[in-house]
Amino acid sequence: MDSPARNIALVPPPDRRQSETALAIARGTARLLRSLGFSCISELPLPSGRRADLVALNERGEIWIVEIKSSVEDLRADQKWHEYRAHCDRLFFAFTQDLPCEIFPEGTGLIIADSYGAHMQCEAPEHRIAAATRKQMTVRFAMAAALRINRLVDPQGHADFWE
């Protein structure tokens, strides 16, 4: 039987589409989320088949998704963010201070970030996900995190695992 965990990358694949700016935003945003008591994982495949830039989980089981936008063009080209809301309790956009807050959709949180840290400009409204979705996302988060750690500890042990 095919396991859904097979779709989770052991190590996030290098995404050549991500600019240095996007990587800096992700780093600073992850630092902010950790300071708020969340653990983060990048490039997590969602049950819908999409892949979230950052998924954060805290000890209360809250799940936040952060979409990283490095430019106005990046935001305009992305119409899939609506689908992420079904997989999280709060949805945020993270971006540099060079972008105006007004261009981002209403009903989402806003995080201004650089490679050193981030500031929550506007908190996202809460929309609690169903218990079954929460369990599915929590298991997905845990599997991805554990597999990535195992890959670091024993790279040869995973050479052909799930390929």
Protein backbone atom coordinates (compact mmCIF):
# COMPACT_ATOMS: atom_id res chain seq x y z
CA MET A 1 0.00 0.00 0.00
CA ASP A 2 1.28 3.45 -0.89
CA SER A 3 1.97 5.64 2.13
CA PRO A 4 1.16 9.38 1.99
CA ALA A 5 4.52 9.91 3.68
CA ARG A 6 6.17 8.90 0.41
CA ASN A 7 5.35 12.38 -0.90
CA ILE A 8 7.37 14.07 1.83
CA ALA A 9 10.90 14.96 0.81
CA LEU A 10 13.62 13.73 3.15
CA VAL A 11 15.45 16.99 2.66
CA PRO A 12 13.72 19.99 1.11
CA PRO A 13 14.64 19.97 -2.55
CA PRO A 14 16.70 22.90 -3.73
CA ASP A 15 14.10 25.17 -5.25
CA ARG A 16 15.92 27.19 -7.85
CA ARG A 17 12.87 29.43 -8.14
CA GLN A 18 13.57 30.90 -4.71
CA SER A 19 15.56 34.07 -4.78
CA GLU A 20 18.08 35.11 -2.16
CA THR A 21 15.40 37.53 -0.96
CA ALA A 22 12.88 34.71 -0.46
CA LEU A 23 15.44 32.65 1.44
CA ALA A 24 16.24 35.64 3.68
CA ILE A 25 12.53 36.21 4.37
CA ALA A 26 12.10 32.52 5.28
CA ARG A 27 15.04 32.65 7.68
CA GLY A 28 13.86 35.77 9.48
CA THR A 29 10.27 34.53 9.62
CA ALA A 30 11.34 31.19 11.09
CA ARG A 31 13.24 33.09 13.79
CA LEU A 32 10.11 35.08 14.66
CA LEU A 33 7.97 31.95 14.78
CA ARG A 34 10.47 30.18 17.05
CA SER A 35 10.37 33.18 19.40
CA LEU A 36 6.58 32.74 19.54
CA GLY A 37 6.92 29.08 20.58
CA PHE A 38 6.51 27.45 17.18
CA SER A 39 8.64 24.86 15.45
CA CYS A 40 8.88 25.39 11.70
CA ILE A 41 9.42 23.24 8.68
CA SER A 42 9.92 24.55 5.17
CA GLU A 43 8.54 23.29 1.89
CA LEU A 44 6.01 20.93 3.46
CA PRO A 45 3.75 19.10 0.97
CA LEU A 46 0.10 19.55 1.91
CA PRO A 47 -2.63 16.92 1.54
CA SER A 48 -3.98 18.97 -1.38
CA GLY A 49 -0.76 18.40 -3.32
CA ARG A 50 0.43 21.99 -2.87
CA ARG A 51 3.60 22.80 -0.96
CA ALA A 52 3.64 25.43 1.79
CA ASP A 53 6.69 27.67 2.17
CA LEU A 54 6.66 27.48 5.99
CA VAL A 55 4.45 25.47 8.32
CA ALA A 56 4.62 26.20 12.03
CA LEU A 57 3.33 24.05 14.90
CA ASN A 58 3.22 24.93 18.60
CA GLU A 59 2.73 22.81 21.73
CA ARG A 60 -1.01 23.59 21.76
CA GLY A 61 -1.26 22.01 18.30
CA GLU A 62 -1.92 25.28 16.48
CA ILE A 63 -0.85 25.20 12.85
CA TRP A 64 0.14 28.32 10.96
CA ILE A 65 1.13 28.52 7.29
CA VAL A 66 3.33 31.34 6.02
CA GLU A 67 3.57 32.11 2.32
CA ILE A 68 6.74 33.98 1.38
CA LYS A 69 6.53 36.72 -1.22
CA SER A 70 9.67 38.39 -2.48
CA SER A 71 8.07 40.80 -4.95
CA VAL A 72 4.79 42.23 -6.21
CA GLU A 73 5.11 39.97 -9.25
CA ASP A 74 5.51 36.94 -6.98
CA LEU A 75 2.24 37.78 -5.22
CA ARG A 76 0.35 38.47 -8.46
CA ALA A 77 1.53 35.19 -9.99
CA ASP A 78 0.36 33.16 -6.97
CA GLN A 79 -3.34 32.39 -6.88
CA LYS A 80 -2.98 29.10 -4.99
CA TRP A 81 -2.68 30.61 -1.52
CA HIS A 82 -6.46 30.32 -1.01
CA GLU A 83 -6.04 26.53 -0.86
CA TYR A 84 -3.65 26.75 2.10
CA ARG A 85 -6.32 28.07 4.43
CA ALA A 86 -7.93 24.61 4.63
CA HIS A 87 -4.72 23.25 6.22
CA CYS A 88 -4.02 25.81 8.95
CA ASP A 89 -5.51 27.79 11.82
CA ARG A 90 -3.92 31.03 10.62
CA LEU A 91 -2.52 32.08 7.25
CA PHE A 92 0.22 34.69 6.87
CA PHE A 93 2.23 36.36 4.14
CA ALA A 94 5.86 37.22 4.86
CA PHE A 95 7.68 39.82 2.78
CA THR A 96 10.35 42.53 2.91
CA GLN A 97 9.74 46.07 4.09
CA ASP A 98 10.00 47.16 0.44
CA LEU A 99 6.52 45.82 -0.32
CA PRO A 100 3.40 47.73 0.74
CA CYS A 101 1.04 45.94 3.15
CA GLU A 102 -1.97 47.11 1.12
CA ILE A 103 -1.28 44.70 -1.75
CA PHE A 104 -1.84 41.60 0.38
CA PRO A 105 -5.27 39.95 0.68
CA GLU A 106 -7.55 40.85 3.56
CA GLY A 107 -8.09 38.15 6.14
CA THR A 108 -4.43 37.12 6.23
CA GLY A 109 -1.66 38.01 8.65
CA LEU A 110 1.34 40.05 7.57
CA ILE A 111 4.96 39.51 8.59
CA ILE A 112 7.76 41.86 7.54
CA ALA A 113 11.09 40.03 7.50
CA ASP A 114 14.73 40.06 6.53
CA SER A 115 17.44 37.47 7.09
CA TYR A 116 17.96 38.51 10.72
CA GLY A 117 14.43 38.51 12.05
CA ALA A 118 10.84 39.55 11.48
CA HIS A 119 7.99 41.62 12.86
CA MET A 120 4.32 40.66 12.84
CA GLN A 121 2.69 43.66 11.21
CA CYS A 122 -0.83 42.26 11.34
CA GLU A 123 -1.98 39.08 13.09
CA ALA A 124 -3.98 36.63 11.00
CA PRO A 125 -7.56 35.89 11.97
CA GLU A 126 -8.10 32.45 13.43
CA HIS A 127 -10.11 29.86 11.51
CA ARG A 128 -9.75 26.58 13.39
CA ILE A 129 -9.30 23.53 11.20
CA ALA A 130 -11.20 20.28 11.72
CA ALA A 131 -9.74 17.68 14.09
CA ALA A 132 -9.11 15.21 11.24
CA THR A 133 -7.23 17.87 9.24
CA ARG A 134 -5.22 18.85 12.33
CA LYS A 135 -4.20 15.22 12.88
CA GLN A 136 -3.26 14.79 9.22
CA MET A 137 -1.17 17.98 9.22
CA THR A 138 0.49 17.16 12.56
CA VAL A 139 1.48 13.67 11.36
CA ARG A 140 2.74 15.12 8.08
CA PHE A 141 4.78 17.73 9.98
CA ALA A 142 6.25 15.11 12.34
CA MET A 143 7.09 12.66 9.56
CA ALA A 144 8.82 15.32 7.48
CA ALA A 145 10.80 16.61 10.47
CA ALA A 146 11.88 13.13 11.58
CA LEU A 147 12.82 12.03 8.08
CA ARG A 148 14.90 15.16 7.52
CA ILE A 149 16.74 14.66 10.82
CA ASN A 150 17.35 10.99 10.02
CA ARG A 151 18.69 11.97 6.62
CA LEU A 152 21.21 14.29 8.28
CA VAL A 153 22.26 11.62 10.80
CA ASP A 154 22.51 8.77 8.28
CA PRO A 155 22.65 10.02 4.67
CA GLN A 156 23.67 6.64 3.25
CA GLY A 157 20.83 4.89 5.07
CA HIS A 158 18.35 6.89 3.02
CA ALA A 159 20.11 6.80 -0.34
CA ASP A 160 17.37 4.87 -2.11
CA PHE A 161 14.61 5.13 0.48
CA TRP A 162 11.30 6.00 -1.22
CA GLU A 163 12.94 6.83 -4.53
